[in-house]
Amino acid sequence: MEICIFTEPQQGASYDDQLAQASAAERLGFDGWFRSDHYLAMGDGDPLPGPTDAWTTLAGLARETRRIRLGTLVSSATFRHPSVLAIQVAQVDAMSGGRVELGLGTGWFAEEHEAYGIPFPAKRFGMLEEQLEVVTGLWSTPVGEHYDFAGEHYRLAHSPALPKPAQTVVPIIIGGSGPKRTPAIAARFASEFNIGFRDEAVVAGMFDRVRRACDDIDRDPESMRMSVALPTVVATSDADYQRRLAAIGEDPATFAGVNIAGSPAAAVEKVLRLRELGAERVYLQLVDLRDLEHLELIAADVLPHLR
């Protein structure tokens, strides 16, 4: 099982904050460092210094780390033209020596689009499908050949389809809990299906839907990695647990209901249950990314029991 760190820098984090967490995650033996792709903070709290761009950040981290996987969970199809996204991801993949993964979704946070003047169409699944067509089409076009695409949202004519990523296939992550269209899109395009912020019954149901969607197009369901992302707060004392919950504005009365929460032993038990459901990778969402002692604790008291 792979254990990755997932964080939300739009809540208030500089590039240096993110570098410190990603570097610690690499040093401590985690498998990946992934970040959200948002431009506006959510809820109360101090958002300073303001948003950082996901792919600009990952480009910097690509040069300042050596082993850890890097990616988005997930980028919004509304933020970038797919040709630009394909070029960005390919370049960051080359800068990292082939360690990048692209999470891509429809986008959902209308307020950030309004705040920064980014169009936010009411219907976005068609846009997402075309983005996946274009990105994978550009990457898979042989060097020396050209790529054309004519869709409802995007048109490319005689593109040289360069640059290419370092990896032969850049892993693509598709996530969500939609019962029909999301599993179908994942089966067609994704290396990994991710579901976040849901209880175990919903996780099991979505994994089953995605496997059936793979069967529907004669894809081996075993070729799809299943993953779960959950907010995580671990502590060895009640005082530390309460302090960490307060730092991210979470309610002690409800937080443990779905999430990875409590003692190291409780965290291990939760992750092992997710593995029993079929999860091959778990993303620990650590919103307070400046709390590196939290990361150290998880690495020392949780990670060894999941290997």
C-alpha atoms as a PDB file:
ATOM      1  CA  MET A   1       0.000   0.000   0.000  1.00  0.00           C
ATOM      2  CA  GLU A   2       1.181   3.513  -0.848  1.00  0.00           C
ATOM      3  CA  ILE A   3       0.736   6.360   1.622  1.00  0.00           C
ATOM      4  CA  CYS A   4       0.827   9.905   0.243  1.00  0.00           C
ATOM      5  CA  ILE A   5       0.519  13.342   1.788  1.00  0.00           C
ATOM      6  CA  PHE A   6      -2.196  15.631   0.411  1.00  0.00           C
ATOM      7  CA  THR A   7      -2.543  19.266   1.386  1.00  0.00           C
ATOM      8  CA  GLU A   8      -4.575  22.422   0.702  1.00  0.00           C
ATOM      9  CA  PRO A   9      -2.194  25.370   0.205  1.00  0.00           C
ATOM     10  CA  GLN A  10      -4.981  27.807  -0.713  1.00  0.00           C
ATOM     11  CA  GLN A  11      -5.841  27.849   2.984  1.00  0.00           C
ATOM     12  CA  GLY A  12      -2.695  29.881   3.587  1.00  0.00           C
ATOM     13  CA  ALA A  13       0.754  28.594   2.663  1.00  0.00           C
ATOM     14  CA  SER A  14       3.803  29.941   0.859  1.00  0.00           C
ATOM     15  CA  TYR A  15       5.967  27.995  -1.549  1.00  0.00           C
ATOM     16  CA  ASP A  16       8.534  27.621   1.222  1.00  0.00           C
ATOM     17  CA  ASP A  17       5.888  26.078   3.499  1.00  0.00           C
ATOM     18  CA  GLN A  18       5.037  23.560   0.810  1.00  0.00           C
ATOM     19  CA  LEU A  19       8.690  22.804   0.106  1.00  0.00           C
ATOM     20  CA  ALA A  20       9.290  22.132   3.796  1.00  0.00           C
ATOM     21  CA  GLN A  21       6.392  19.673   3.993  1.00  0.00           C
ATOM     22  CA  ALA A  22       7.219  17.920   0.712  1.00  0.00           C
ATOM     23  CA  SER A  23      10.887  17.596   1.667  1.00  0.00           C
ATOM     24  CA  ALA A  24       9.961  16.179   5.071  1.00  0.00           C
ATOM     25  CA  ALA A  25       7.512  13.755   3.464  1.00  0.00           C
ATOM     26  CA  GLU A  26      10.261  12.520   1.159  1.00  0.00           C
ATOM     27  CA  ARG A  27      12.793  12.207   3.975  1.00  0.00           C
ATOM     28  CA  LEU A  28      10.319  10.340   6.194  1.00  0.00           C
ATOM     29  CA  GLY A  29       9.459   7.724   3.576  1.00  0.00           C
ATOM     30  CA  PHE A  30       6.039   8.728   2.268  1.00  0.00           C
ATOM     31  CA  ASP A  31       5.322   7.751  -1.320  1.00  0.00           C
ATOM     32  CA  GLY A  32       3.929  11.009  -2.706  1.00  0.00           C
ATOM     33  CA  TRP A  33       3.126  14.654  -2.082  1.00  0.00           C
ATOM     34  CA  PHE A  34      -0.025  15.978  -3.715  1.00  0.00           C
ATOM     35  CA  ARG A  35      -1.750  19.337  -3.489  1.00  0.00           C
ATOM     36  CA  SER A  36      -5.130  20.767  -4.300  1.00  0.00           C
ATOM     37  CA  ASP A  37      -5.494  23.159  -7.239  1.00  0.00           C
ATOM     38  CA  HIS A  38      -7.483  26.114  -5.917  1.00  0.00           C
ATOM     39  CA  TYR A  39      -7.131  29.898  -6.007  1.00  0.00           C
ATOM     40  CA  LEU A  40      -9.364  30.873  -3.081  1.00  0.00           C
ATOM     41  CA  ALA A  41      -9.396  29.934   0.590  1.00  0.00           C
ATOM     42  CA  MET A  42     -12.433  28.171   1.993  1.00  0.00           C
ATOM     43  CA  GLY A  43     -14.019  29.107   5.294  1.00  0.00           C
ATOM     44  CA  ASP A  44     -12.505  31.220   8.014  1.00  0.00           C
ATOM     45  CA  GLY A  45      -8.829  31.623   8.750  1.00  0.00           C
ATOM     46  CA  ASP A  46      -5.845  33.558   7.486  1.00  0.00           C
ATOM     47  CA  PRO A  47      -5.362  32.996   3.745  1.00  0.00           C
ATOM     48  CA  LEU A  48      -2.055  34.890   3.535  1.00  0.00           C
ATOM     49  CA  PRO A  49       0.137  34.982   1.565  1.00  0.00           C
ATOM     50  CA  GLY A  50      -2.583  34.096  -0.955  1.00  0.00           C
ATOM     51  CA  PRO A  51      -2.896  31.332  -3.524  1.00  0.00           C
ATOM     52  CA  THR A  52      -0.016  29.583  -5.201  1.00  0.00           C
ATOM     53  CA  ASP A  53      -0.417  27.969  -8.598  1.00  0.00           C
ATOM     54  CA  ALA A  54      -0.347  24.171  -8.408  1.00  0.00           C
ATOM     55  CA  TRP A  55       1.784  23.469 -11.468  1.00  0.00           C
ATOM     56  CA  THR A  56       4.203  26.317 -10.795  1.00  0.00           C
ATOM     57  CA  THR A  57       4.663  24.897  -7.289  1.00  0.00           C
ATOM     58  CA  LEU A  58       5.145  21.360  -8.585  1.00  0.00           C
ATOM     59  CA  ALA A  59       7.750  22.580 -11.074  1.00  0.00           C
ATOM     60  CA  GLY A  60       9.767  24.001  -8.202  1.00  0.00           C
ATOM     61  CA  LEU A  61       9.373  20.847  -6.124  1.00  0.00           C
ATOM     62  CA  ALA A  62      10.356  18.716  -9.113  1.00  0.00           C
ATOM     63  CA  ARG A  63      13.840  20.262  -8.910  1.00  0.00           C
ATOM     64  CA  GLU A  64      14.083  20.197  -5.121  1.00  0.00           C
ATOM     65  CA  THR A  65      13.062  16.578  -4.466  1.00  0.00           C
ATOM     66  CA  ARG A  66      14.498  13.328  -5.774  1.00  0.00           C
ATOM     67  CA  ARG A  67      12.184  10.381  -5.083  1.00  0.00           C
ATOM     68  CA  ILE A  68       8.685  11.324  -4.030  1.00  0.00           C
ATOM     69  CA  ARG A  69       5.757  11.281  -6.480  1.00  0.00           C
ATOM     70  CA  LEU A  70       4.231  14.707  -7.167  1.00  0.00           C
ATOM     71  CA  GLY A  71       0.814  15.693  -8.458  1.00  0.00           C
ATOM     72  CA  THR A  72      -2.552  17.384  -8.130  1.00  0.00           C
ATOM     73  CA  LEU A  73      -5.660  16.116  -6.404  1.00  0.00           C
ATOM     74  CA  VAL A  74      -7.131  17.515  -8.533  1.00  0.00           C
ATOM     75  CA  SER A  75      -6.632  20.211 -11.160  1.00  0.00           C
ATOM     76  CA  SER A  76      -9.767  21.858 -12.513  1.00  0.00           C
ATOM     77  CA  ALA A  77     -10.580  21.575 -16.203  1.00  0.00           C
ATOM     78  CA  THR A  78     -11.782  25.176 -16.048  1.00  0.00           C
ATOM     79  CA  PHE A  79      -8.368  26.617 -15.177  1.00  0.00           C
ATOM     80  CA  ARG A  80      -6.206  25.774 -18.204  1.00  0.00           C
ATOM     81  CA  HIS A  81      -6.554  25.055 -21.897  1.00  0.00           C
ATOM     82  CA  PRO A  82      -5.764  21.344 -22.301  1.00  0.00           C
ATOM     83  CA  SER A  83      -2.886  22.041 -24.701  1.00  0.00           C
ATOM     84  CA  VAL A  84      -1.279  24.338 -22.136  1.00  0.00           C
ATOM     85  CA  LEU A  85      -1.910  21.790 -19.391  1.00  0.00           C
ATOM     86  CA  ALA A  86      -0.314  19.012 -21.482  1.00  0.00           C
ATOM     87  CA  ILE A  87       2.790  21.144 -22.038  1.00  0.00           C
ATOM     88  CA  GLN A  88       3.010  22.139 -18.367  1.00  0.00           C
ATOM     89  CA  VAL A  89       2.647  18.603 -17.041  1.00  0.00           C
ATOM     90  CA  ALA A  90       5.072  17.169 -19.600  1.00  0.00           C
ATOM     91  CA  GLN A  91       7.673  19.771 -18.670  1.00  0.00           C
ATOM     92  CA  VAL A  92       7.252  19.259 -14.923  1.00  0.00           C
ATOM     93  CA  ASP A  93       7.468  15.490 -15.479  1.00  0.00           C
ATOM     94  CA  ALA A  94      10.764  15.959 -17.308  1.00  0.00           C
ATOM     95  CA  MET A  95      12.006  18.303 -14.563  1.00  0.00           C
ATOM     96  CA  SER A  96      11.217  15.628 -11.966  1.00  0.00           C
ATOM     97  CA  GLY A  97      12.777  12.747 -13.859  1.00  0.00           C
ATOM     98  CA  GLY A  98       9.388  11.111 -14.403  1.00  0.00           C
ATOM     99  CA  ARG A  99       7.614  11.441 -11.025  1.00  0.00           C
ATOM    100  CA  VAL A 100       4.483  13.420 -11.910  1.00  0.00           C
ATOM    101  CA  GLU A 101       0.816  12.397 -11.794  1.00  0.00           C
ATOM    102  CA  LEU A 102      -2.089  14.442 -13.136  1.00  0.00           C
ATOM    103  CA  GLY A 103      -5.334  14.553 -11.209  1.00  0.00           C
ATOM    104  CA  LEU A 104      -8.036  16.234 -13.292  1.00  0.00           C
ATOM    105  CA  GLY A 105     -11.676  17.025 -12.562  1.00  0.00           C
ATOM    106  CA  THR A 106     -14.543  19.272 -13.598  1.00  0.00           C
ATOM    107  CA  GLY A 107     -13.960  21.898 -10.901  1.00  0.00           C
ATOM    108  CA  TRP A 108     -16.649  22.802  -8.398  1.00  0.00           C
ATOM    109  CA  PHE A 109     -15.765  25.960  -6.446  1.00  0.00           C
ATOM    110  CA  ALA A 110     -17.757  28.690  -8.180  1.00  0.00           C
ATOM    111  CA  GLU A 111     -16.571  31.462  -5.834  1.00  0.00           C
ATOM    112  CA  GLU A 112     -12.925  31.176  -6.857  1.00  0.00           C
ATOM    113  CA  HIS A 113     -13.887  31.470 -10.511  1.00  0.00           C
ATOM    114  CA  GLU A 114     -15.883  34.599  -9.795  1.00  0.00           C
ATOM    115  CA  ALA A 115     -13.098  36.075  -7.656  1.00  0.00           C
ATOM    116  CA  TYR A 116     -10.494  35.739 -10.416  1.00  0.00           C
ATOM    117  CA  GLY A 117     -12.700  36.128 -13.478  1.00  0.00           C
ATOM    118  CA  ILE A 118     -12.391  32.513 -14.642  1.00  0.00           C
ATOM    119  CA  PRO A 119     -15.363  31.228 -16.680  1.00  0.00           C
ATOM    120  CA  PHE A 120     -17.388  28.571 -14.857  1.00  0.00           C
ATOM    121  CA  PRO A 121     -19.827  26.843 -17.218  1.00  0.00           C
ATOM    122  CA  ALA A 122     -22.820  25.129 -15.667  1.00  0.00           C
ATOM    123  CA  LYS A 123     -22.084  21.914 -17.567  1.00  0.00           C
ATOM    124  CA  ARG A 124     -18.450  20.778 -17.386  1.00  0.00           C
ATOM    125  CA  PHE A 125     -18.311  17.013 -17.931  1.00  0.00           C
ATOM    126  CA  GLY A 126     -18.056  17.457 -21.691  1.00  0.00           C
ATOM    127  CA  MET A 127     -15.187  19.894 -21.165  1.00  0.00           C
ATOM    128  CA  LEU A 128     -13.429  17.399 -18.893  1.00  0.00           C
ATOM    129  CA  GLU A 129     -13.776  14.561 -21.402  1.00  0.00           C
ATOM    130  CA  GLU A 130     -12.371  16.704 -24.207  1.00  0.00           C
ATOM    131  CA  GLN A 131      -9.495  17.838 -21.989  1.00  0.00           C
ATOM    132  CA  LEU A 132      -8.602  14.221 -21.316  1.00  0.00           C
ATOM    133  CA  GLU A 133      -8.846  13.440 -25.037  1.00  0.00           C
ATOM    134  CA  VAL A 134      -6.527  16.317 -25.900  1.00  0.00           C
ATOM    135  CA  VAL A 135      -3.964  15.784 -23.137  1.00  0.00           C
ATOM    136  CA  THR A 136      -3.618  12.050 -23.745  1.00  0.00           C
ATOM    137  CA  GLY A 137      -3.751  12.549 -27.500  1.00  0.00           C
ATOM    138  CA  LEU A 138      -0.903  15.066 -27.463  1.00  0.00           C
ATOM    139  CA  TRP A 139       1.252  12.868 -25.260  1.00  0.00           C
ATOM    140  CA  SER A 140       0.634   9.669 -27.258  1.00  0.00           C
ATOM    141  CA  THR A 141       1.234  11.162 -30.714  1.00  0.00           C
ATOM    142  CA  PRO A 142       4.582   9.824 -31.992  1.00  0.00           C
ATOM    143  CA  VAL A 143       7.413  12.319 -32.333  1.00  0.00           C
ATOM    144  CA  GLY A 144       7.464  13.635 -35.887  1.00  0.00           C
ATOM    145  CA  GLU A 145       3.718  13.243 -36.348  1.00  0.00           C
ATOM    146  CA  HIS A 146       0.942  15.780 -35.748  1.00  0.00           C
ATOM    147  CA  TYR A 147      -2.236  15.794 -33.722  1.00  0.00           C
ATOM    148  CA  ASP A 148      -5.632  17.199 -34.703  1.00  0.00           C
ATOM    149  CA  PHE A 149      -8.755  17.464 -32.609  1.00  0.00           C
ATOM    150  CA  ALA A 150     -12.166  18.968 -33.290  1.00  0.00           C
ATOM    151  CA  GLY A 151     -14.612  18.990 -30.394  1.00  0.00           C
ATOM    152  CA  GLU A 152     -17.347  21.151 -28.977  1.00  0.00           C
ATOM    153  CA  HIS A 153     -14.978  22.967 -26.616  1.00  0.00           C
ATOM    154  CA  TYR A 154     -11.501  22.695 -28.183  1.00  0.00           C
ATOM    155  CA  ARG A 155      -9.951  22.565 -31.640  1.00  0.00           C
ATOM    156  CA  LEU A 156      -6.325  21.732 -32.455  1.00  0.00           C
ATOM    157  CA  ALA A 157      -4.935  21.772 -35.989  1.00  0.00           C
ATOM    158  CA  HIS A 158      -1.656  20.142 -37.048  1.00  0.00           C
ATOM    159  CA  SER A 159      -0.139  20.343 -33.559  1.00  0.00           C
ATOM    160  CA  PRO A 160       3.426  19.009 -33.283  1.00  0.00           C
ATOM    161  CA  ALA A 161       2.309  17.491 -29.950  1.00  0.00           C
ATOM    162  CA  LEU A 162       5.455  18.474 -28.095  1.00  0.00           C
ATOM    163  CA  PRO A 163       7.006  18.247 -25.564  1.00  0.00           C
ATOM    164  CA  LYS A 164       6.667  14.672 -24.369  1.00  0.00           C
ATOM    165  CA  PRO A 165       6.681  13.664 -20.708  1.00  0.00           C
ATOM    166  CA  ALA A 166       9.595  11.690 -19.309  1.00  0.00           C
ATOM    167  CA  GLN A 167       7.236   8.820 -18.423  1.00  0.00           C
ATOM    168  CA  THR A 168       5.845   6.689 -21.219  1.00  0.00           C
ATOM    169  CA  VAL A 169       2.467   7.036 -19.547  1.00  0.00           C
ATOM    170  CA  VAL A 170       1.806   9.831 -17.047  1.00  0.00           C
ATOM    171  CA  PRO A 171      -0.630   8.451 -14.454  1.00  0.00           C
ATOM    172  CA  ILE A 172      -3.999  10.214 -14.623  1.00  0.00           C
ATOM    173  CA  ILE A 173      -6.202  10.358 -11.529  1.00  0.00           C
ATOM    174  CA  ILE A 174      -9.963  10.781 -11.835  1.00  0.00           C
ATOM    175  CA  GLY A 175     -12.043  11.147  -8.717  1.00  0.00           C
ATOM    176  CA  GLY A 176     -15.526  11.796  -7.453  1.00  0.00           C
ATOM    177  CA  SER A 177     -18.685  10.070  -6.319  1.00  0.00           C
ATOM    178  CA  GLY A 178     -20.943  10.479  -9.347  1.00  0.00           C
ATOM    179  CA  PRO A 179     -22.653   7.121  -9.950  1.00  0.00           C
ATOM    180  CA  LYS A 180     -22.465   6.883 -13.756  1.00  0.00           C
ATOM    181  CA  ARG A 181     -20.429   9.416 -15.697  1.00  0.00           C
ATOM    182  CA  THR A 182     -17.483   9.566 -13.316  1.00  0.00           C
ATOM    183  CA  PRO A 183     -16.846   5.787 -13.360  1.00  0.00           C
ATOM    184  CA  ALA A 184     -17.175   5.747 -17.158  1.00  0.00           C
ATOM    185  CA  ILE A 185     -14.655   8.575 -17.605  1.00  0.00           C
ATOM    186  CA  ALA A 186     -12.283   6.935 -15.138  1.00  0.00           C
ATOM    187  CA  ALA A 187     -12.489   3.589 -16.922  1.00  0.00           C
ATOM    188  CA  ARG A 188     -11.671   5.240 -20.222  1.00  0.00           C
ATOM    189  CA  PHE A 189      -8.841   7.556 -19.213  1.00  0.00           C
ATOM    190  CA  ALA A 190      -7.555   7.004 -15.680  1.00  0.00           C
ATOM    191  CA  SER A 191      -4.701   5.040 -14.186  1.00  0.00           C
ATOM    192  CA  GLU A 192      -6.218   5.664 -10.751  1.00  0.00           C
ATOM    193  CA  PHE A 193      -9.678   6.257  -9.375  1.00  0.00           C
ATOM    194  CA  ASN A 194      -9.866   8.301  -6.194  1.00  0.00           C
ATOM    195  CA  ILE A 195     -12.703   8.959  -3.805  1.00  0.00           C
ATOM    196  CA  GLY A 196     -12.366  11.382  -0.940  1.00  0.00           C
ATOM    197  CA  PHE A 197     -14.262  12.525   2.139  1.00  0.00           C
ATOM    198  CA  ARG A 198     -16.764   9.649   2.153  1.00  0.00           C
ATOM    199  CA  ASP A 199     -17.523   6.815   4.549  1.00  0.00           C
ATOM    200  CA  GLU A 200     -16.465   3.256   3.939  1.00  0.00           C
ATOM    201  CA  ALA A 201     -19.799   2.122   2.498  1.00  0.00           C
ATOM    202  CA  VAL A 202     -19.650   4.822  -0.172  1.00  0.00           C
ATOM    203  CA  VAL A 203     -15.997   3.992  -0.889  1.00  0.00           C
ATOM    204  CA  ALA A 204     -16.845   0.331  -1.425  1.00  0.00           C
ATOM    205  CA  GLY A 205     -19.789   1.201  -3.673  1.00  0.00           C
ATOM    206  CA  MET A 206     -17.760   3.540  -5.862  1.00  0.00           C
ATOM    207  CA  PHE A 207     -14.911   1.054  -6.216  1.00  0.00           C
ATOM    208  CA  ASP A 208     -17.456  -1.508  -7.396  1.00  0.00           C
ATOM    209  CA  ARG A 209     -18.993   0.930  -9.911  1.00  0.00           C
ATOM    210  CA  VAL A 210     -15.592   1.745 -11.369  1.00  0.00           C
ATOM    211  CA  ARG A 211     -14.695  -1.926 -11.706  1.00  0.00           C
ATOM    212  CA  ARG A 212     -17.994  -2.548 -13.531  1.00  0.00           C
ATOM    213  CA  ALA A 213     -17.319   0.449 -15.787  1.00  0.00           C
ATOM    214  CA  CYS A 214     -13.976  -1.129 -16.680  1.00  0.00           C
ATOM    215  CA  ASP A 215     -15.720  -4.403 -17.495  1.00  0.00           C
ATOM    216  CA  ASP A 216     -18.170  -2.523 -19.737  1.00  0.00           C
ATOM    217  CA  ILE A 217     -15.334  -1.417 -22.044  1.00  0.00           C
ATOM    218  CA  ASP A 218     -13.371  -4.685 -21.767  1.00  0.00           C
ATOM    219  CA  ARG A 219     -10.686  -3.132 -19.586  1.00  0.00           C
ATOM    220  CA  ASP A 220      -9.137  -5.287 -16.883  1.00  0.00           C
ATOM    221  CA  PRO A 221     -10.400  -3.787 -13.590  1.00  0.00           C
ATOM    222  CA  GLU A 222      -7.114  -4.805 -11.979  1.00  0.00           C
ATOM    223  CA  SER A 223      -5.356  -2.233 -14.171  1.00  0.00           C
ATOM    224  CA  MET A 224      -7.112   0.555 -12.232  1.00  0.00           C
ATOM    225  CA  ARG A 225      -5.507   1.628  -8.981  1.00  0.00           C
ATOM    226  CA  MET A 226      -8.076   2.477  -6.316  1.00  0.00           C
ATOM    227  CA  SER A 227      -7.361   5.186  -3.774  1.00  0.00           C
ATOM    228  CA  VAL A 228      -8.963   7.136  -0.938  1.00  0.00           C
ATOM    229  CA  ALA A 229      -8.251  10.641   0.373  1.00  0.00           C
ATOM    230  CA  LEU A 230      -9.282  11.581   3.910  1.00  0.00           C
ATOM    231  CA  PRO A 231      -8.577  14.400   6.362  1.00  0.00           C
ATOM    232  CA  THR A 232      -6.139  13.126   8.944  1.00  0.00           C
ATOM    233  CA  VAL A 233      -5.425  14.144  12.532  1.00  0.00           C
ATOM    234  CA  VAL A 234      -3.278  11.852  14.654  1.00  0.00           C
ATOM    235  CA  ALA A 235      -2.041  12.480  18.191  1.00  0.00           C
ATOM    236  CA  THR A 236      -0.731  10.632  21.235  1.00  0.00           C
ATOM    237  CA  SER A 237      -2.621  12.796  23.742  1.00  0.00           C
ATOM    238  CA  ASP A 238      -6.071  14.315  23.879  1.00  0.00           C
ATOM    239  CA  ALA A 239      -4.565  17.784  24.260  1.00  0.00           C
ATOM    240  CA  ASP A 240      -2.568  17.422  21.028  1.00  0.00           C
ATOM    241  CA  TYR A 241      -5.592  15.964  19.246  1.00  0.00           C
ATOM    242  CA  GLN A 242      -7.792  18.887  20.276  1.00  0.00           C
ATOM    243  CA  ARG A 243      -5.064  21.373  19.347  1.00  0.00           C
ATOM    244  CA  ARG A 244      -4.639  19.918  15.874  1.00  0.00           C
ATOM    245  CA  LEU A 245      -8.385  19.898  15.248  1.00  0.00           C
ATOM    246  CA  ALA A 246      -8.674  23.519  16.381  1.00  0.00           C
ATOM    247  CA  ALA A 247      -5.840  24.532  14.070  1.00  0.00           C
ATOM    248  CA  ILE A 248      -7.841  23.393  11.048  1.00  0.00           C
ATOM    249  CA  GLY A 249     -11.263  24.440  12.341  1.00  0.00           C
ATOM    250  CA  GLU A 250     -12.682  20.935  12.746  1.00  0.00           C
ATOM    251  CA  ASP A 251     -15.314  19.795  15.246  1.00  0.00           C
ATOM    252  CA  PRO A 252     -14.136  17.082  17.669  1.00  0.00           C
ATOM    253  CA  ALA A 253     -17.701  15.763  17.908  1.00  0.00           C
ATOM    254  CA  THR A 254     -17.881  14.810  14.224  1.00  0.00           C
ATOM    255  CA  PHE A 255     -14.378  14.613  12.783  1.00  0.00           C
ATOM    256  CA  ALA A 256     -13.669  10.987  13.627  1.00  0.00           C
ATOM    257  CA  GLY A 257     -16.878   9.723  12.023  1.00  0.00           C
ATOM    258  CA  VAL A 258     -15.406   9.365   8.540  1.00  0.00           C
ATOM    259  CA  ASN A 259     -11.811  10.518   8.736  1.00  0.00           C
ATOM    260  CA  ILE A 260      -8.460   9.148   9.857  1.00  0.00           C
ATOM    261  CA  ALA A 261      -8.466  10.346  13.423  1.00  0.00           C
ATOM    262  CA  GLY A 262      -7.247   9.722  16.946  1.00  0.00           C
ATOM    263  CA  SER A 263      -4.339   7.647  18.167  1.00  0.00           C
ATOM    264  CA  PRO A 264      -1.726   6.119  15.842  1.00  0.00           C
ATOM    265  CA  ALA A 265      -3.338   2.722  16.439  1.00  0.00           C
ATOM    266  CA  ALA A 266      -6.764   4.066  15.414  1.00  0.00           C
ATOM    267  CA  ALA A 267      -5.240   5.572  12.268  1.00  0.00           C
ATOM    268  CA  VAL A 268      -3.620   2.257  11.360  1.00  0.00           C
ATOM    269  CA  GLU A 269      -6.909   0.394  11.863  1.00  0.00           C
ATOM    270  CA  LYS A 270      -8.772   2.843   9.627  1.00  0.00           C
ATOM    271  CA  VAL A 271      -6.238   2.625   6.801  1.00  0.00           C
ATOM    272  CA  LEU A 272      -6.177  -1.172   7.000  1.00  0.00           C
ATOM    273  CA  ARG A 273      -9.975  -1.211   6.640  1.00  0.00           C
ATOM    274  CA  LEU A 274      -9.613   0.915   3.514  1.00  0.00           C
ATOM    275  CA  ARG A 275      -7.088  -1.567   2.190  1.00  0.00           C
ATOM    276  CA  GLU A 276      -9.581  -4.367   2.775  1.00  0.00           C
ATOM    277  CA  LEU A 277     -12.049  -2.439   0.611  1.00  0.00           C
ATOM    278  CA  GLY A 278      -9.495  -2.389  -2.219  1.00  0.00           C
ATOM    279  CA  ALA A 279      -7.575   0.852  -1.680  1.00  0.00           C
ATOM    280  CA  GLU A 280      -4.007   0.533  -2.919  1.00  0.00           C
ATOM    281  CA  ARG A 281      -3.112   4.127  -2.086  1.00  0.00           C
ATOM    282  CA  VAL A 282      -4.315   6.409   0.705  1.00  0.00           C
ATOM    283  CA  TYR A 283      -3.858  10.173   0.761  1.00  0.00           C
ATOM    284  CA  LEU A 284      -3.561  11.683   4.226  1.00  0.00           C
ATOM    285  CA  GLN A 285      -4.977  15.198   3.978  1.00  0.00           C
ATOM    286  CA  LEU A 286      -2.897  17.367   6.293  1.00  0.00           C
ATOM    287  CA  VAL A 287      -4.338  20.868   6.086  1.00  0.00           C
ATOM    288  CA  ASP A 288      -1.980  22.391   8.677  1.00  0.00           C
ATOM    289  CA  LEU A 289       1.094  21.784   6.575  1.00  0.00           C
ATOM    290  CA  ARG A 290       3.344  23.795   8.908  1.00  0.00           C
ATOM    291  CA  ASP A 291       2.841  21.168  11.646  1.00  0.00           C
ATOM    292  CA  LEU A 292       5.814  19.025  10.701  1.00  0.00           C
ATOM    293  CA  GLU A 293       5.723  17.297  14.091  1.00  0.00           C
ATOM    294  CA  HIS A 294       2.414  15.796  12.946  1.00  0.00           C
ATOM    295  CA  LEU A 295       4.150  14.397   9.881  1.00  0.00           C
ATOM    296  CA  GLU A 296       6.986  13.028  12.029  1.00  0.00           C
ATOM    297  CA  LEU A 297       4.505  11.288  14.334  1.00  0.00           C
ATOM    298  CA  ILE A 298       2.638   9.619  11.464  1.00  0.00           C
ATOM    299  CA  ALA A 299       5.910   8.494   9.902  1.00  0.00           C
ATOM    300  CA  ALA A 300       7.131   7.000  13.173  1.00  0.00           C
ATOM    301  CA  ASP A 301       3.961   5.437  14.584  1.00  0.00           C
ATOM    302  CA  VAL A 302       1.617   4.797  11.630  1.00  0.00           C
ATOM    303  CA  LEU A 303       3.617   4.297   8.447  1.00  0.00           C
ATOM    304  CA  PRO A 304       5.644   1.251   9.611  1.00  0.00           C
ATOM    305  CA  HIS A 305       2.433  -0.717  10.262  1.00  0.00           C
ATOM    306  CA  LEU A 306       1.172  -0.173   6.690  1.00  0.00           C
ATOM    307  CA  ARG A 307       4.157  -1.499   4.794  1.00  0.00           C
END
